[in-house]
Amino acid sequence: MEEASQIKMPKVKLGSQGLEVSRLGFGCGGLSGVYNAPLPHEDGASVIKHAFDGGVTFFDTSDIYGANNDNEFMVGKALKQLPREKIQVATKFGIVKIEEANMVINGTPEYVRKCCEESLMRLGVSYIDLYYQHRVDISVPIEDTMGELKKLVEEGKIKYIGLSEASPDTIRRAHTVHPITAVQIEWSLWTHFNSPTSYDSSEFPR
């Protein structure tokens, strides 16, 4: 794709470790049926490419989006058609499965590494720009989870670390192990009043 075809969008810095992304990001989960019917990979990749042409360089996915990790495979196909050095990819680990209203969550070091290796394969990249813990496993000390994420940073497999739906205390403890670049919280009238409380949410007002 020719660089001249991409619209220029203002950039914003996340955290203080150097990550810079387009001010507008693109959440890819909806392409694999998170909120609507899933798209074929070719159509989904086309949407991602169209967003890139519009100036978006920050794309967010997860290993839980879509059946059988569908969304990461789809994003990987789109990335093959885009300049990797101009893209910032965020993906997530930690939700093993969702059973009705309950999430099965795993934050053990072994699971962290397994998920990262598999996401790298599905995305077809050598590194992940921003790697989130999708939900905090309250049965595992956050220091243990972060310790493995720090190793992955040192190995060059991920660049920056994020936390999703974590309490302020957990964020502070995690940050002492390795700097946290981004914190992600789904915020809407629906999720604010109806989200499950079985994970790390004790410090959030309801």
Protein backbone atom coordinates (compact mmCIF):
# COMPACT_ATOMS: atom_id res chain seq x y z
CA MET A 1 0.00 0.00 0.00
CA GLU A 2 1.38 3.38 -0.91
CA GLU A 3 2.00 5.72 2.00
CA ALA A 4 0.39 8.62 0.11
CA SER A 5 -2.97 6.84 0.25
CA GLN A 6 -3.17 7.05 4.04
CA ILE A 7 -4.83 10.03 5.69
CA LYS A 8 -2.70 11.51 8.46
CA MET A 9 -4.25 11.42 11.92
CA PRO A 10 -2.94 13.09 15.10
CA LYS A 11 -0.99 10.82 17.43
CA VAL A 12 -1.25 10.44 21.19
CA LYS A 13 1.21 8.97 23.67
CA LEU A 14 0.07 6.16 25.97
CA GLY A 15 1.90 6.04 29.27
CA SER A 16 5.43 7.34 29.64
CA GLN A 17 7.38 4.45 28.08
CA GLY A 18 7.26 5.69 24.48
CA LEU A 19 4.20 4.08 22.88
CA GLU A 20 2.54 6.44 20.39
CA VAL A 21 -0.68 5.54 18.61
CA SER A 22 -3.29 7.17 16.41
CA ARG A 23 -5.71 9.28 18.43
CA LEU A 24 -8.54 7.12 17.14
CA GLY A 25 -8.12 3.37 17.53
CA PHE A 26 -10.10 0.50 16.03
CA GLY A 27 -11.61 -2.25 18.16
CA CYS A 28 -11.60 -5.35 15.98
CA GLY A 29 -13.77 -7.63 18.13
CA GLY A 30 -17.00 -6.70 16.37
CA LEU A 31 -15.66 -8.08 13.11
CA SER A 32 -15.76 -11.58 14.61
CA GLY A 33 -19.22 -11.44 16.13
CA VAL A 34 -18.62 -9.93 19.58
CA TYR A 35 -21.52 -7.51 19.04
CA ASN A 36 -22.99 -8.67 15.75
CA ALA A 37 -22.75 -11.38 13.10
CA PRO A 38 -19.12 -12.25 12.23
CA LEU A 39 -17.65 -11.19 8.91
CA PRO A 40 -15.67 -13.42 6.56
CA HIS A 41 -11.94 -12.87 7.00
CA GLU A 42 -11.60 -11.19 3.62
CA ASP A 43 -14.30 -8.65 4.47
CA GLY A 44 -12.93 -8.04 7.95
CA ALA A 45 -9.43 -7.51 6.61
CA SER A 46 -10.84 -5.07 4.09
CA VAL A 47 -12.49 -3.07 6.90
CA ILE A 48 -9.18 -2.95 8.81
CA LYS A 49 -7.34 -1.78 5.70
CA HIS A 50 -10.00 0.89 5.12
CA ALA A 51 -9.51 2.12 8.70
CA PHE A 52 -5.77 2.29 8.10
CA ASP A 53 -6.32 4.33 4.94
CA GLY A 54 -8.38 6.68 7.12
CA GLY A 55 -5.42 7.26 9.43
CA VAL A 56 -6.01 4.61 12.11
CA THR A 57 -2.81 2.79 13.10
CA PHE A 58 -3.90 1.37 16.49
CA PHE A 59 -5.83 -1.92 16.30
CA ASP A 60 -7.18 -3.78 19.33
CA THR A 61 -8.02 -7.49 19.46
CA SER A 62 -7.97 -10.41 21.92
CA ASP A 63 -7.46 -14.15 21.92
CA ILE A 64 -11.06 -14.56 23.17
CA TYR A 65 -12.71 -12.60 20.35
CA GLY A 66 -14.57 -14.86 17.95
CA ALA A 67 -14.84 -18.63 17.89
CA ASN A 68 -11.49 -20.47 17.86
CA ASN A 69 -9.44 -17.25 18.16
CA ASP A 70 -11.04 -16.00 14.93
CA ASN A 71 -10.31 -12.32 15.41
CA GLU A 72 -6.56 -12.64 15.83
CA PHE A 73 -6.39 -14.75 12.66
CA MET A 74 -8.41 -12.08 10.83
CA VAL A 75 -6.23 -9.24 12.08
CA GLY A 76 -3.16 -11.26 11.09
CA LYS A 77 -4.44 -11.52 7.52
CA ALA A 78 -4.96 -7.76 7.41
CA LEU A 79 -1.49 -7.09 8.80
CA LYS A 80 0.08 -9.00 5.93
CA GLN A 81 -1.31 -6.32 3.63
CA LEU A 82 -0.19 -3.35 5.75
CA PRO A 83 3.21 -1.85 6.68
CA ARG A 84 3.95 -3.47 10.05
CA GLU A 85 6.24 -0.66 11.16
CA LYS A 86 3.33 1.80 10.96
CA ILE A 87 0.88 -0.35 12.94
CA GLN A 88 0.41 -0.65 16.70
CA VAL A 89 -1.27 -3.94 17.61
CA ALA A 90 -2.88 -4.53 20.99
CA THR A 91 -4.14 -7.93 22.02
CA LYS A 92 -5.14 -9.54 25.30
CA PHE A 93 -4.94 -12.77 27.28
CA GLY A 94 -6.46 -14.08 30.48
CA ILE A 95 -10.05 -15.04 29.69
CA VAL A 96 -9.99 -18.79 29.11
CA LYS A 97 -13.70 -19.05 28.33
CA ILE A 98 -17.04 -17.50 29.14
CA GLU A 99 -19.71 -19.77 30.60
CA GLU A 100 -23.07 -18.01 30.71
CA ALA A 101 -22.46 -15.06 33.06
CA ASN A 102 -19.18 -16.40 34.45
CA MET A 103 -15.66 -15.98 33.12
CA VAL A 104 -12.93 -18.56 33.60
CA ILE A 105 -9.74 -16.55 34.10
CA ASN A 106 -6.10 -17.64 34.20
CA GLY A 107 -3.16 -15.40 35.09
CA THR A 108 -0.47 -17.97 35.87
CA PRO A 109 2.98 -17.31 34.39
CA GLU A 110 2.78 -20.50 32.31
CA TYR A 111 -0.54 -19.42 30.81
CA VAL A 112 0.77 -15.90 30.12
CA ARG A 113 3.64 -17.26 28.04
CA LYS A 114 1.50 -19.84 26.24
CA CYS A 115 -1.04 -17.20 25.25
CA CYS A 116 1.62 -14.79 24.04
CA GLU A 117 3.32 -17.39 21.87
CA GLU A 118 0.00 -18.43 20.34
CA SER A 119 -1.10 -14.84 19.70
CA LEU A 120 2.19 -14.09 17.95
CA MET A 121 1.57 -17.08 15.70
CA ARG A 122 -2.03 -16.17 14.89
CA LEU A 123 -1.21 -12.53 14.23
CA GLY A 124 1.82 -13.48 12.15
CA VAL A 125 4.08 -10.95 13.89
CA SER A 126 7.37 -11.12 15.76
CA TYR A 127 6.21 -8.82 18.55
CA ILE A 128 3.01 -7.40 20.05
CA ASP A 129 3.01 -3.66 20.64
CA LEU A 130 0.65 -3.60 23.64
CA TYR A 131 -0.22 -6.78 25.53
CA TYR A 132 -3.08 -6.59 28.04
CA GLN A 133 -4.15 -8.87 30.82
CA HIS A 134 -7.82 -8.99 29.78
CA ARG A 135 -9.11 -9.77 33.28
CA VAL A 136 -7.16 -10.06 36.52
CA ASP A 137 -6.95 -13.54 38.03
CA ILE A 138 -7.48 -12.83 41.73
CA SER A 139 -6.22 -16.33 42.61
CA VAL A 140 -2.74 -15.44 41.29
CA PRO A 141 -0.65 -12.60 42.77
CA ILE A 142 -0.45 -9.84 40.18
CA GLU A 143 3.30 -9.74 40.81
CA ASP A 144 3.61 -13.29 39.43
CA THR A 145 1.66 -12.44 36.28
CA MET A 146 3.62 -9.24 35.76
CA GLY A 147 6.91 -11.03 36.31
CA GLU A 148 6.28 -13.22 33.28
CA LEU A 149 5.08 -10.25 31.21
CA LYS A 150 8.29 -8.45 32.12
CA LYS A 151 10.29 -11.42 30.82
CA LEU A 152 8.36 -11.27 27.53
CA VAL A 153 9.26 -7.58 27.23
CA GLU A 154 12.93 -8.38 27.86
CA GLU A 155 12.76 -11.07 25.16
CA GLY A 156 11.28 -8.61 22.66
CA LYS A 157 8.03 -10.53 22.23
CA ILE A 158 5.95 -7.66 23.58
CA LYS A 159 6.77 -3.96 23.74
CA TYR A 160 4.40 -2.58 26.35
CA ILE A 161 2.08 -3.95 29.05
CA GLY A 162 -1.54 -3.03 29.78
CA LEU A 163 -4.23 -4.05 32.26
CA SER A 164 -7.94 -4.35 31.58
CA GLU A 165 -10.63 -3.99 34.28
CA ALA A 166 -8.07 -3.83 37.10
CA SER A 167 -8.54 -2.09 40.45
CA PRO A 168 -6.36 0.88 41.46
CA ASP A 169 -4.51 -1.23 44.04
CA THR A 170 -3.75 -3.94 41.48
CA ILE A 171 -2.49 -1.34 39.01
CA ARG A 172 -0.16 0.14 41.63
CA ARG A 173 1.22 -3.28 42.61
CA ALA A 174 1.69 -4.27 38.96
CA HIS A 175 3.47 -1.03 38.16
CA THR A 176 6.13 -1.76 40.78
CA VAL A 177 7.13 -4.86 38.82
CA HIS A 178 7.11 -3.23 35.38
CA PRO A 179 5.64 0.05 34.09
CA ILE A 180 2.01 -0.16 32.99
CA THR A 181 1.50 1.72 29.72
CA ALA A 182 -2.29 1.57 29.41
CA VAL A 183 -5.37 0.75 31.45
CA GLN A 184 -8.50 -0.34 29.61
CA ILE A 185 -12.01 -0.18 31.08
CA GLU A 186 -15.23 -0.77 29.17
CA TRP A 187 -17.49 2.11 30.15
CA SER A 188 -21.14 2.36 29.26
CA LEU A 189 -24.45 2.50 31.08
CA TRP A 190 -24.88 -1.19 30.32
CA THR A 191 -21.51 -2.44 31.55
CA HIS A 192 -21.41 -0.06 34.52
CA PHE A 193 -24.55 -1.50 36.06
CA ASN A 194 -24.46 -5.07 34.76
CA SER A 195 -20.84 -6.22 34.64
CA PRO A 196 -19.92 -9.28 36.74
CA THR A 197 -18.15 -8.71 40.05
CA SER A 198 -16.28 -12.01 40.20
CA TYR A 199 -12.99 -10.49 39.05
CA ASP A 200 -10.80 -7.61 40.25
CA SER A 201 -13.51 -4.99 40.74
CA SER A 202 -13.75 -4.54 44.50
CA GLU A 203 -12.49 -0.99 44.40
CA PHE A 204 -14.87 0.23 41.70
CA PRO A 205 -18.02 2.02 42.84
CA ARG A 206 -21.30 0.51 41.69
